[in-house]
């Protein structure tokens, strides 16, 4: 099995894949969150109610103009994990600010 990289358009990974990332530009915020939803939902369903330790690796993301946007993407990813794996309902709709860059990269 090979590595999945941020430059693989069929397998965006990390915040690098976000449309407003200086290196990525592959998916919108909604598409990025849908990918998170899909992963955590699939993991939740595969556990069949069992509780197992899960480690999240938040990686990537480059925004010289607004690093808070990268942190916002990561926070929304963790929120989706909490919603699916810990059943924290208020995390299902958590949104953080992800600001468009002042100009195209």
PDB file of N, CA and C in Angstrom:
ATOM      1  N   UNK A   1       0.843  -1.175   0.000  1.00  0.00           N
ATOM      2  CA  UNK A   1       0.000   0.000   0.000  1.00  0.00           C
ATOM      3  C   UNK A   1       0.885   1.234   0.000  1.00  0.00           C
ATOM      4  N   UNK A   2       0.591   2.182  -0.874  1.00  0.00           N
ATOM      5  CA  UNK A   2       1.407   3.384  -0.973  1.00  0.00           C
ATOM      6  C   UNK A   2       0.914   4.494  -0.070  1.00  0.00           C
ATOM      7  N   UNK A   3       1.708   5.522   0.025  1.00  0.00           N
ATOM      8  CA  UNK A   3       1.341   6.700   0.799  1.00  0.00           C
ATOM      9  C   UNK A   3       0.316   7.517   0.042  1.00  0.00           C
ATOM     10  N   UNK A   4      -0.615   8.103   0.777  1.00  0.00           N
ATOM     11  CA  UNK A   4      -1.592   9.015   0.178  1.00  0.00           C
ATOM     12  C   UNK A   4      -1.078  10.419   0.406  1.00  0.00           C
ATOM     13  N   UNK A   5      -0.819  11.131  -0.661  1.00  0.00           N
ATOM     14  CA  UNK A   5      -0.252  12.470  -0.531  1.00  0.00           C
ATOM     15  C   UNK A   5      -1.256  13.551  -0.865  1.00  0.00           C
ATOM     16  N   UNK A   6      -0.979  14.758  -0.407  1.00  0.00           N
ATOM     17  CA  UNK A   6      -1.871  15.890  -0.637  1.00  0.00           C
ATOM     18  C   UNK A   6      -1.986  16.237  -2.111  1.00  0.00           C
ATOM     19  N   UNK A   7      -1.024  15.830  -2.912  1.00  0.00           N
ATOM     20  CA  UNK A   7      -1.071  16.136  -4.341  1.00  0.00           C
ATOM     21  C   UNK A   7      -1.840  15.108  -5.157  1.00  0.00           C
ATOM     22  N   UNK A   8      -2.350  14.075  -4.541  1.00  0.00           N
ATOM     23  CA  UNK A   8      -3.145  13.068  -5.234  1.00  0.00           C
ATOM     24  C   UNK A   8      -4.590  13.558  -5.271  1.00  0.00           C
ATOM     25  N   UNK A   9      -5.105  13.994  -6.430  1.00  0.00           N
ATOM     26  CA  UNK A   9      -6.441  14.588  -6.491  1.00  0.00           C
ATOM     27  C   UNK A   9      -7.564  13.632  -6.099  1.00  0.00           C
ATOM     28  N   UNK A  10      -7.319  12.333  -6.167  1.00  0.00           N
ATOM     29  CA  UNK A  10      -8.354  11.372  -5.781  1.00  0.00           C
ATOM     30  C   UNK A  10      -8.343  11.088  -4.280  1.00  0.00           C
ATOM     31  N   UNK A  11      -7.295  11.480  -3.591  1.00  0.00           N
ATOM     32  CA  UNK A  11      -7.150  11.196  -2.162  1.00  0.00           C
ATOM     33  C   UNK A  11      -6.578  12.400  -1.427  1.00  0.00           C
ATOM     34  N   UNK A  12      -7.344  13.488  -1.323  1.00  0.00           N
ATOM     35  CA  UNK A  12      -6.814  14.648  -0.605  1.00  0.00           C
ATOM     36  C   UNK A  12      -6.594  14.294   0.864  1.00  0.00           C
ATOM     37  N   UNK A  13      -5.513  14.784   1.440  1.00  0.00           N
ATOM     38  CA  UNK A  13      -5.229  14.473   2.835  1.00  0.00           C
ATOM     39  C   UNK A  13      -4.726  15.711   3.544  1.00  0.00           C
ATOM     40  N   UNK A  14      -5.060  15.820   4.811  1.00  0.00           N
ATOM     41  CA  UNK A  14      -4.618  16.955   5.599  1.00  0.00           C
ATOM     42  C   UNK A  14      -5.185  18.260   5.088  1.00  0.00           C
ATOM     43  N   UNK A  15      -4.830  19.325   5.749  1.00  0.00           N
ATOM     44  CA  UNK A  15      -5.338  20.637   5.363  1.00  0.00           C
ATOM     45  C   UNK A  15      -4.685  21.145   4.078  1.00  0.00           C
ATOM     46  N   UNK A  16      -3.634  20.486   3.620  1.00  0.00           N
ATOM     47  CA  UNK A  16      -3.011  20.864   2.345  1.00  0.00           C
ATOM     48  C   UNK A  16      -4.018  20.818   1.202  1.00  0.00           C
ATOM     49  N   UNK A  17      -4.988  19.952   1.305  1.00  0.00           N
ATOM     50  CA  UNK A  17      -5.928  19.743   0.202  1.00  0.00           C
ATOM     51  C   UNK A  17      -6.983  20.835   0.091  1.00  0.00           C
ATOM     52  N   UNK A  18      -7.057  21.730   1.059  1.00  0.00           N
ATOM     53  CA  UNK A  18      -8.096  22.765   1.038  1.00  0.00           C
ATOM     54  C   UNK A  18      -7.863  23.762  -0.090  1.00  0.00           C
ATOM     55  N   UNK A  19      -8.948  24.247  -0.671  1.00  0.00           N
ATOM     56  CA  UNK A  19      -8.873  25.147  -1.819  1.00  0.00           C
ATOM     57  C   UNK A  19      -8.089  26.428  -1.546  1.00  0.00           C
ATOM     58  N   UNK A  20      -8.044  26.891  -0.307  1.00  0.00           N
ATOM     59  CA  UNK A  20      -7.335  28.136   0.005  1.00  0.00           C
ATOM     60  C   UNK A  20      -5.990  27.901   0.655  1.00  0.00           C
ATOM     61  N   UNK A  21      -5.503  26.676   0.582  1.00  0.00           N
ATOM     62  CA  UNK A  21      -4.169  26.378   1.072  1.00  0.00           C
ATOM     63  C   UNK A  21      -3.157  26.812   0.021  1.00  0.00           C
ATOM     64  N   UNK A  22      -2.026  27.322   0.450  1.00  0.00           N
ATOM     65  CA  UNK A  22      -1.003  27.777  -0.491  1.00  0.00           C
ATOM     66  C   UNK A  22      -0.462  26.644  -1.349  1.00  0.00           C
ATOM     67  N   UNK A  23      -0.537  25.407  -0.879  1.00  0.00           N
ATOM     68  CA  UNK A  23       0.021  24.282  -1.623  1.00  0.00           C
ATOM     69  C   UNK A  23      -1.023  23.339  -2.202  1.00  0.00           C
ATOM     70  N   UNK A  24      -2.269  23.455  -1.779  1.00  0.00           N
ATOM     71  CA  UNK A  24      -3.252  22.446  -2.129  1.00  0.00           C
ATOM     72  C   UNK A  24      -4.187  22.801  -3.254  1.00  0.00           C
ATOM     73  N   UNK A  25      -5.292  23.410  -2.896  1.00  0.00           N
ATOM     74  CA  UNK A  25      -6.311  23.838  -3.856  1.00  0.00           C
ATOM     75  C   UNK A  25      -7.055  22.682  -4.502  1.00  0.00           C
ATOM     76  N   UNK A  26      -7.455  21.676  -3.704  1.00  0.00           N
ATOM     77  CA  UNK A  26      -8.160  20.537  -4.271  1.00  0.00           C
ATOM     78  C   UNK A  26      -9.630  20.471  -3.889  1.00  0.00           C
ATOM     79  N   UNK A  27     -10.028  20.962  -2.725  1.00  0.00           N
ATOM     80  CA  UNK A  27     -11.431  20.816  -2.334  1.00  0.00           C
ATOM     81  C   UNK A  27     -11.898  22.005  -1.491  1.00  0.00           C
ATOM     82  N   UNK A  28     -13.190  22.257  -1.546  1.00  0.00           N
ATOM     83  CA  UNK A  28     -13.790  23.339  -0.775  1.00  0.00           C
ATOM     84  C   UNK A  28     -13.879  22.942   0.695  1.00  0.00           C
ATOM     85  N   UNK A  29     -14.251  23.890   1.537  1.00  0.00           N
ATOM     86  CA  UNK A  29     -14.426  23.599   2.962  1.00  0.00           C
ATOM     87  C   UNK A  29     -15.486  22.522   3.146  1.00  0.00           C
ATOM     88  N   UNK A  30     -16.608  22.639   2.456  1.00  0.00           N
ATOM     89  CA  UNK A  30     -17.672  21.640   2.592  1.00  0.00           C
ATOM     90  C   UNK A  30     -17.219  20.259   2.129  1.00  0.00           C
ATOM     91  N   UNK A  31     -16.475  20.191   1.037  1.00  0.00           N
ATOM     92  CA  UNK A  31     -15.955  18.901   0.565  1.00  0.00           C
ATOM     93  C   UNK A  31     -14.948  18.333   1.565  1.00  0.00           C
ATOM     94  N   UNK A  32     -14.123  19.195   2.134  1.00  0.00           N
ATOM     95  CA  UNK A  32     -13.128  18.777   3.114  1.00  0.00           C
ATOM     96  C   UNK A  32     -13.810  18.192   4.349  1.00  0.00           C
ATOM     97  N   UNK A  33     -14.879  18.878   4.803  1.00  0.00           N
ATOM     98  CA  UNK A  33     -15.625  18.385   5.963  1.00  0.00           C
ATOM     99  C   UNK A  33     -16.373  17.098   5.640  1.00  0.00           C
ATOM    100  N   UNK A  34     -16.863  16.955   4.422  1.00  0.00           N
ATOM    101  CA  UNK A  34     -17.539  15.719   4.029  1.00  0.00           C
ATOM    102  C   UNK A  34     -16.575  14.541   4.062  1.00  0.00           C
ATOM    103  N   UNK A  35     -15.329  14.782   3.671  1.00  0.00           N
ATOM    104  CA  UNK A  35     -14.319  13.716   3.758  1.00  0.00           C
ATOM    105  C   UNK A  35     -14.111  13.309   5.216  1.00  0.00           C
ATOM    106  N   UNK A  36     -14.044  14.297   6.121  1.00  0.00           N
ATOM    107  CA  UNK A  36     -13.918  13.987   7.553  1.00  0.00           C
ATOM    108  C   UNK A  36     -15.123  13.204   8.038  1.00  0.00           C
ATOM    109  N   UNK A  37     -16.313  13.659   7.655  1.00  0.00           N
ATOM    110  CA  UNK A  37     -17.545  12.968   8.042  1.00  0.00           C
ATOM    111  C   UNK A  37     -17.516  11.512   7.581  1.00  0.00           C
ATOM    112  N   UNK A  38     -17.097  11.302   6.359  1.00  0.00           N
ATOM    113  CA  UNK A  38     -17.077   9.945   5.799  1.00  0.00           C
ATOM    114  C   UNK A  38     -16.131   9.039   6.576  1.00  0.00           C
ATOM    115  N   UNK A  39     -14.942   9.532   6.871  1.00  0.00           N
ATOM    116  CA  UNK A  39     -13.953   8.715   7.587  1.00  0.00           C
ATOM    117  C   UNK A  39     -14.452   8.373   8.979  1.00  0.00           C
ATOM    118  N   UNK A  40     -14.914   9.371   9.736  1.00  0.00           N
ATOM    119  CA  UNK A  40     -15.329   9.111  11.117  1.00  0.00           C
ATOM    120  C   UNK A  40     -16.623   8.322  11.192  1.00  0.00           C
ATOM    121  N   UNK A  41     -17.507   8.525  10.248  1.00  0.00           N
ATOM    122  CA  UNK A  41     -18.739   7.737  10.208  1.00  0.00           C
ATOM    123  C   UNK A  41     -18.428   6.274   9.931  1.00  0.00           C
ATOM    124  N   UNK A  42     -17.540   6.026   8.969  1.00  0.00           N
ATOM    125  CA  UNK A  42     -17.156   4.654   8.644  1.00  0.00           C
ATOM    126  C   UNK A  42     -16.462   3.994   9.843  1.00  0.00           C
ATOM    127  N   UNK A  43     -15.602   4.732  10.515  1.00  0.00           N
ATOM    128  CA  UNK A  43     -14.927   4.189  11.692  1.00  0.00           C
ATOM    129  C   UNK A  43     -15.934   3.878  12.791  1.00  0.00           C
ATOM    130  N   UNK A  44     -16.863   4.787  13.026  1.00  0.00           N
ATOM    131  CA  UNK A  44     -17.900   4.590  14.036  1.00  0.00           C
ATOM    132  C   UNK A  44     -18.717   3.329  13.739  1.00  0.00           C
ATOM    133  N   UNK A  45     -19.131   3.162  12.496  1.00  0.00           N
ATOM    134  CA  UNK A  45     -19.928   1.992  12.118  1.00  0.00           C
ATOM    135  C   UNK A  45     -19.136   0.697  12.255  1.00  0.00           C
ATOM    136  N   UNK A  46     -17.844   0.757  11.977  1.00  0.00           N
ATOM    137  CA  UNK A  46     -17.042  -0.463  12.044  1.00  0.00           C
ATOM    138  C   UNK A  46     -16.749  -0.893  13.482  1.00  0.00           C
ATOM    139  N   UNK A  47     -16.867   0.017  14.425  1.00  0.00           N
ATOM    140  CA  UNK A  47     -16.602  -0.325  15.826  1.00  0.00           C
ATOM    141  C   UNK A  47     -17.754  -1.097  16.459  1.00  0.00           C
ATOM    142  N   UNK A  48     -18.965  -1.003  15.889  1.00  0.00           N
ATOM    143  CA  UNK A  48     -20.135  -1.729  16.396  1.00  0.00           C
ATOM    144  C   UNK A  48     -20.348  -1.505  17.895  1.00  0.00           C
ATOM    145  N   UNK A  49     -20.227  -0.263  18.325  1.00  0.00           N
ATOM    146  CA  UNK A  49     -20.472   0.066  19.728  1.00  0.00           C
ATOM    147  C   UNK A  49     -19.305  -0.171  20.663  1.00  0.00           C
ATOM    148  N   UNK A  50     -18.237  -0.774  20.172  1.00  0.00           N
ATOM    149  CA  UNK A  50     -17.057  -0.993  21.021  1.00  0.00           C
ATOM    150  C   UNK A  50     -16.296   0.314  21.176  1.00  0.00           C
ATOM    151  N   UNK A  51     -15.643   0.482  22.285  1.00  0.00           N
ATOM    152  CA  UNK A  51     -14.820   1.659  22.520  1.00  0.00           C
ATOM    153  C   UNK A  51     -13.355   1.260  22.395  1.00  0.00           C
ATOM    154  N   UNK A  52     -12.687   1.868  21.447  1.00  0.00           N
ATOM    155  CA  UNK A  52     -11.270   1.601  21.224  1.00  0.00           C
ATOM    156  C   UNK A  52     -10.517   2.926  21.210  1.00  0.00           C
ATOM    157  N   UNK A  53      -9.262   2.918  21.624  1.00  0.00           N
ATOM    158  CA  UNK A  53      -8.476   4.152  21.555  1.00  0.00           C
ATOM    159  C   UNK A  53      -8.289   4.579  20.098  1.00  0.00           C
ATOM    160  N   UNK A  54      -8.393   5.857  19.857  1.00  0.00           N
ATOM    161  CA  UNK A  54      -8.208   6.408  18.522  1.00  0.00           C
ATOM    162  C   UNK A  54      -7.213   7.558  18.627  1.00  0.00           C
ATOM    163  N   UNK A  55      -6.277   7.593  17.722  1.00  0.00           N
ATOM    164  CA  UNK A  55      -5.307   8.692  17.658  1.00  0.00           C
ATOM    165  C   UNK A  55      -5.585   9.492  16.393  1.00  0.00           C
ATOM    166  N   UNK A  56      -5.678  10.798  16.542  1.00  0.00           N
ATOM    167  CA  UNK A  56      -5.866  11.672  15.387  1.00  0.00           C
ATOM    168  C   UNK A  56      -4.556  12.376  15.090  1.00  0.00           C
ATOM    169  N   UNK A  57      -4.205  12.430  13.840  1.00  0.00           N
ATOM    170  CA  UNK A  57      -3.017  13.157  13.408  1.00  0.00           C
ATOM    171  C   UNK A  57      -3.475  14.324  12.548  1.00  0.00           C
ATOM    172  N   UNK A  58      -3.336  15.501  13.062  1.00  0.00           N
ATOM    173  CA  UNK A  58      -3.718  16.700  12.321  1.00  0.00           C
ATOM    174  C   UNK A  58      -2.453  17.244  11.669  1.00  0.00           C
ATOM    175  N   UNK A  59      -2.446  17.249  10.349  1.00  0.00           N
ATOM    176  CA  UNK A  59      -1.221  17.627   9.656  1.00  0.00           C
ATOM    177  C   UNK A  59      -1.535  18.499   8.463  1.00  0.00           C
ATOM    178  N   UNK A  60      -0.524  19.195   8.037  1.00  0.00           N
ATOM    179  CA  UNK A  60      -0.619  19.990   6.819  1.00  0.00           C
ATOM    180  C   UNK A  60      -1.375  21.284   6.997  1.00  0.00           C
ATOM    181  N   UNK A  61      -1.310  22.061   5.970  1.00  0.00           N
ATOM    182  CA  UNK A  61      -1.984  23.338   5.940  1.00  0.00           C
ATOM    183  C   UNK A  61      -0.994  24.482   5.989  1.00  0.00           C
ATOM    184  N   UNK A  62      -1.058  25.330   4.985  1.00  0.00           N
ATOM    185  CA  UNK A  62      -0.122  26.446   4.890  1.00  0.00           C
ATOM    186  C   UNK A  62      -0.879  27.710   4.512  1.00  0.00           C
ATOM    187  N   UNK A  63      -0.868  28.674   5.412  1.00  0.00           N
ATOM    188  CA  UNK A  63      -1.512  29.957   5.163  1.00  0.00           C
ATOM    189  C   UNK A  63      -0.697  31.046   5.840  1.00  0.00           C
ATOM    190  N   UNK A  64       0.237  31.625   5.122  1.00  0.00           N
ATOM    191  CA  UNK A  64       1.044  32.704   5.689  1.00  0.00           C
ATOM    192  C   UNK A  64       0.189  33.891   6.105  1.00  0.00           C
ATOM    193  N   UNK A  65      -0.868  34.155   5.349  1.00  0.00           N
ATOM    194  CA  UNK A  65      -1.693  35.328   5.614  1.00  0.00           C
ATOM    195  C   UNK A  65      -2.678  35.119   6.766  1.00  0.00           C
ATOM    196  N   UNK A  66      -3.114  33.881   7.020  1.00  0.00           N
ATOM    197  CA  UNK A  66      -4.134  33.623   8.047  1.00  0.00           C
ATOM    198  C   UNK A  66      -4.009  32.194   8.568  1.00  0.00           C
ATOM    199  N   UNK A  67      -2.996  31.933   9.418  1.00  0.00           N
ATOM    200  CA  UNK A  67      -2.818  30.567   9.931  1.00  0.00           C
ATOM    201  C   UNK A  67      -4.015  30.071  10.731  1.00  0.00           C
ATOM    202  N   UNK A  68      -4.826  30.984  11.223  1.00  0.00           N
ATOM    203  CA  UNK A  68      -6.025  30.591  11.966  1.00  0.00           C
ATOM    204  C   UNK A  68      -6.984  29.786  11.099  1.00  0.00           C
ATOM    205  N   UNK A  69      -6.942  29.990   9.785  1.00  0.00           N
ATOM    206  CA  UNK A  69      -7.793  29.205   8.888  1.00  0.00           C
ATOM    207  C   UNK A  69      -7.406  27.734   8.918  1.00  0.00           C
ATOM    208  N   UNK A  70      -6.114  27.460   8.971  1.00  0.00           N
ATOM    209  CA  UNK A  70      -5.642  26.079   9.059  1.00  0.00           C
ATOM    210  C   UNK A  70      -6.085  25.480  10.390  1.00  0.00           C
ATOM    211  N   UNK A  71      -5.913  26.236  11.465  1.00  0.00           N
ATOM    212  CA  UNK A  71      -6.344  25.752  12.781  1.00  0.00           C
ATOM    213  C   UNK A  71      -7.847  25.520  12.809  1.00  0.00           C
ATOM    214  N   UNK A  72      -8.603  26.379  12.122  1.00  0.00           N
ATOM    215  CA  UNK A  72     -10.052  26.197  12.044  1.00  0.00           C
ATOM    216  C   UNK A  72     -10.430  24.900  11.350  1.00  0.00           C
ATOM    217  N   UNK A  73      -9.741  24.576  10.257  1.00  0.00           N
ATOM    218  CA  UNK A  73      -9.993  23.310   9.568  1.00  0.00           C
ATOM    219  C   UNK A  73      -9.714  22.131  10.492  1.00  0.00           C
ATOM    220  N   UNK A  74      -8.599  22.187  11.201  1.00  0.00           N
ATOM    221  CA  UNK A  74      -8.259  21.105  12.123  1.00  0.00           C
ATOM    222  C   UNK A  74      -9.275  21.002  13.256  1.00  0.00           C
ATOM    223  N   UNK A  75      -9.725  22.143  13.775  1.00  0.00           N
ATOM    224  CA  UNK A  75     -10.729  22.130  14.855  1.00  0.00           C
ATOM    225  C   UNK A  75     -12.033  21.502  14.369  1.00  0.00           C
ATOM    226  N   UNK A  76     -12.430  21.810  13.129  1.00  0.00           N
ATOM    227  CA  UNK A  76     -13.662  21.214  12.597  1.00  0.00           C
ATOM    228  C   UNK A  76     -13.493  19.713  12.385  1.00  0.00           C
ATOM    229  N   UNK A  77     -12.292  19.286  12.020  1.00  0.00           N
ATOM    230  CA  UNK A  77     -12.019  17.855  11.872  1.00  0.00           C
ATOM    231  C   UNK A  77     -12.156  17.145  13.223  1.00  0.00           C
ATOM    232  N   UNK A  78     -11.554  17.705  14.259  1.00  0.00           N
ATOM    233  CA  UNK A  78     -11.664  17.115  15.595  1.00  0.00           C
ATOM    234  C   UNK A  78     -13.123  17.103  16.056  1.00  0.00           C
ATOM    235  N   UNK A  79     -13.862  18.161  15.739  1.00  0.00           N
ATOM    236  CA  UNK A  79     -15.285  18.215  16.113  1.00  0.00           C
ATOM    237  C   UNK A  79     -16.060  17.067  15.473  1.00  0.00           C
ATOM    238  N   UNK A  80     -15.768  16.770  14.208  1.00  0.00           N
ATOM    239  CA  UNK A  80     -16.455  15.645  13.539  1.00  0.00           C
ATOM    240  C   UNK A  80     -16.088  14.327  14.206  1.00  0.00           C
ATOM    241  N   UNK A  81     -14.829  14.178  14.614  1.00  0.00           N
ATOM    242  CA  UNK A  81     -14.412  12.965  15.318  1.00  0.00           C
ATOM    243  C   UNK A  81     -15.164  12.838  16.637  1.00  0.00           C
ATOM    244  N   UNK A  82     -15.259  13.923  17.397  1.00  0.00           N
ATOM    245  CA  UNK A  82     -15.984  13.889  18.671  1.00  0.00           C
ATOM    246  C   UNK A  82     -17.457  13.559  18.467  1.00  0.00           C
ATOM    247  N   UNK A  83     -18.034  14.107  17.428  1.00  0.00           N
ATOM    248  CA  UNK A  83     -19.447  13.831  17.136  1.00  0.00           C
ATOM    249  C   UNK A  83     -19.669  12.342  16.870  1.00  0.00           C
ATOM    250  N   UNK A  84     -18.870  11.770  15.999  1.00  0.00           N
ATOM    251  CA  UNK A  84     -19.080  10.377  15.609  1.00  0.00           C
ATOM    252  C   UNK A  84     -18.586   9.366  16.631  1.00  0.00           C
ATOM    253  N   UNK A  85     -17.440   9.626  17.235  1.00  0.00           N
ATOM    254  CA  UNK A  85     -16.816   8.613  18.082  1.00  0.00           C
ATOM    255  C   UNK A  85     -17.159   8.758  19.558  1.00  0.00           C
ATOM    256  N   UNK A  86     -17.479   9.970  19.996  1.00  0.00           N
ATOM    257  CA  UNK A  86     -17.830  10.190  21.405  1.00  0.00           C
ATOM    258  C   UNK A  86     -19.284  10.633  21.572  1.00  0.00           C
ATOM    259  N   UNK A  87     -20.004  10.733  20.458  1.00  0.00           N
ATOM    260  CA  UNK A  87     -21.435  11.092  20.458  1.00  0.00           C
ATOM    261  C   UNK A  87     -21.696  12.457  21.086  1.00  0.00           C
ATOM    262  N   UNK A  88     -20.811  13.417  20.826  1.00  0.00           N
ATOM    263  CA  UNK A  88     -20.986  14.785  21.298  1.00  0.00           C
ATOM    264  C   UNK A  88     -21.782  15.516  20.218  1.00  0.00           C
ATOM    265  N   UNK A  89     -23.092  15.582  20.408  1.00  0.00           N
ATOM    266  CA  UNK A  89     -23.992  16.074  19.352  1.00  0.00           C
ATOM    267  C   UNK A  89     -23.719  17.509  18.920  1.00  0.00           C
ATOM    268  N   UNK A  90     -23.362  18.385  19.855  1.00  0.00           N
ATOM    269  CA  UNK A  90     -23.156  19.784  19.472  1.00  0.00           C
ATOM    270  C   UNK A  90     -21.944  19.961  18.555  1.00  0.00           C
ATOM    271  N   UNK A  91     -21.110  18.950  18.465  1.00  0.00           N
ATOM    272  CA  UNK A  91     -19.952  19.023  17.573  1.00  0.00           C
ATOM    273  C   UNK A  91     -20.330  18.750  16.120  1.00  0.00           C
ATOM    274  N   UNK A  92     -21.507  18.209  15.878  1.00  0.00           N
ATOM    275  CA  UNK A  92     -21.929  17.849  14.519  1.00  0.00           C
ATOM    276  C   UNK A  92     -21.975  19.052  13.589  1.00  0.00           C
ATOM    277  N   UNK A  93     -22.264  20.207  14.127  1.00  0.00           N
ATOM    278  CA  UNK A  93     -22.428  21.394  13.288  1.00  0.00           C
ATOM    279  C   UNK A  93     -21.399  22.483  13.590  1.00  0.00           C
ATOM    280  N   UNK A  94     -20.369  22.155  14.360  1.00  0.00           N
ATOM    281  CA  UNK A  94     -19.352  23.157  14.709  1.00  0.00           C
ATOM    282  C   UNK A  94     -18.686  23.695  13.456  1.00  0.00           C
ATOM    283  N   UNK A  95     -18.615  25.019  13.358  1.00  0.00           N
ATOM    284  CA  UNK A  95     -17.936  25.669  12.235  1.00  0.00           C
ATOM    285  C   UNK A  95     -16.945  26.690  12.783  1.00  0.00           C
ATOM    286  N   UNK A  96     -15.772  26.702  12.235  1.00  0.00           N
ATOM    287  CA  UNK A  96     -14.745  27.684  12.560  1.00  0.00           C
ATOM    288  C   UNK A  96     -14.541  28.572  11.333  1.00  0.00           C
ATOM    289  N   UNK A  97     -13.941  29.705  11.548  1.00  0.00           N
ATOM    290  CA  UNK A  97     -13.691  30.615  10.428  1.00  0.00           C
ATOM    291  C   UNK A  97     -12.561  30.085   9.552  1.00  0.00           C
ATOM    292  N   UNK A  98     -12.833  30.014   8.270  1.00  0.00           N
ATOM    293  CA  UNK A  98     -11.822  29.692   7.268  1.00  0.00           C
ATOM    294  C   UNK A  98     -11.927  30.795   6.231  1.00  0.00           C
ATOM    295  N   UNK A  99     -10.958  31.659   6.239  1.00  0.00           N
ATOM    296  CA  UNK A  99     -11.005  32.887   5.442  1.00  0.00           C
ATOM    297  C   UNK A  99     -10.337  32.695   4.082  1.00  0.00           C
ATOM    298  N   UNK A 100     -10.949  33.267   3.060  1.00  0.00           N
ATOM    299  CA  UNK A 100     -10.346  33.247   1.725  1.00  0.00           C
ATOM    300  C   UNK A 100      -9.082  34.097   1.723  1.00  0.00           C
ATOM    301  N   UNK A 101      -8.069  33.698   0.952  1.00  0.00           N
ATOM    302  CA  UNK A 101      -6.842  34.499   0.887  1.00  0.00           C
ATOM    303  C   UNK A 101      -7.107  35.809   0.151  1.00  0.00           C
ATOM    304  N   UNK A 102      -6.264  36.805   0.388  1.00  0.00           N
ATOM    305  CA  UNK A 102      -6.466  38.100  -0.272  1.00  0.00           C
ATOM    306  C   UNK A 102      -6.324  38.014  -1.785  1.00  0.00           C
ATOM    307  N   UNK A 103      -5.597  37.014  -2.274  1.00  0.00           N
ATOM    308  CA  UNK A 103      -5.453  36.827  -3.724  1.00  0.00           C
ATOM    309  C   UNK A 103      -5.216  35.355  -3.995  1.00  0.00           C
ATOM    310  N   UNK A 104      -5.362  34.957  -5.246  1.00  0.00           N
ATOM    311  CA  UNK A 104      -5.135  33.560  -5.612  1.00  0.00           C
ATOM    312  C   UNK A 104      -3.671  33.225  -5.450  1.00  0.00           C
ATOM    313  N   UNK A 105      -3.391  31.983  -5.059  1.00  0.00           N
ATOM    314  CA  UNK A 105      -1.997  31.557  -4.905  1.00  0.00           C
ATOM    315  C   UNK A 105      -1.439  31.384  -6.254  1.00  0.00           C
TER     316      UNK A 105
END
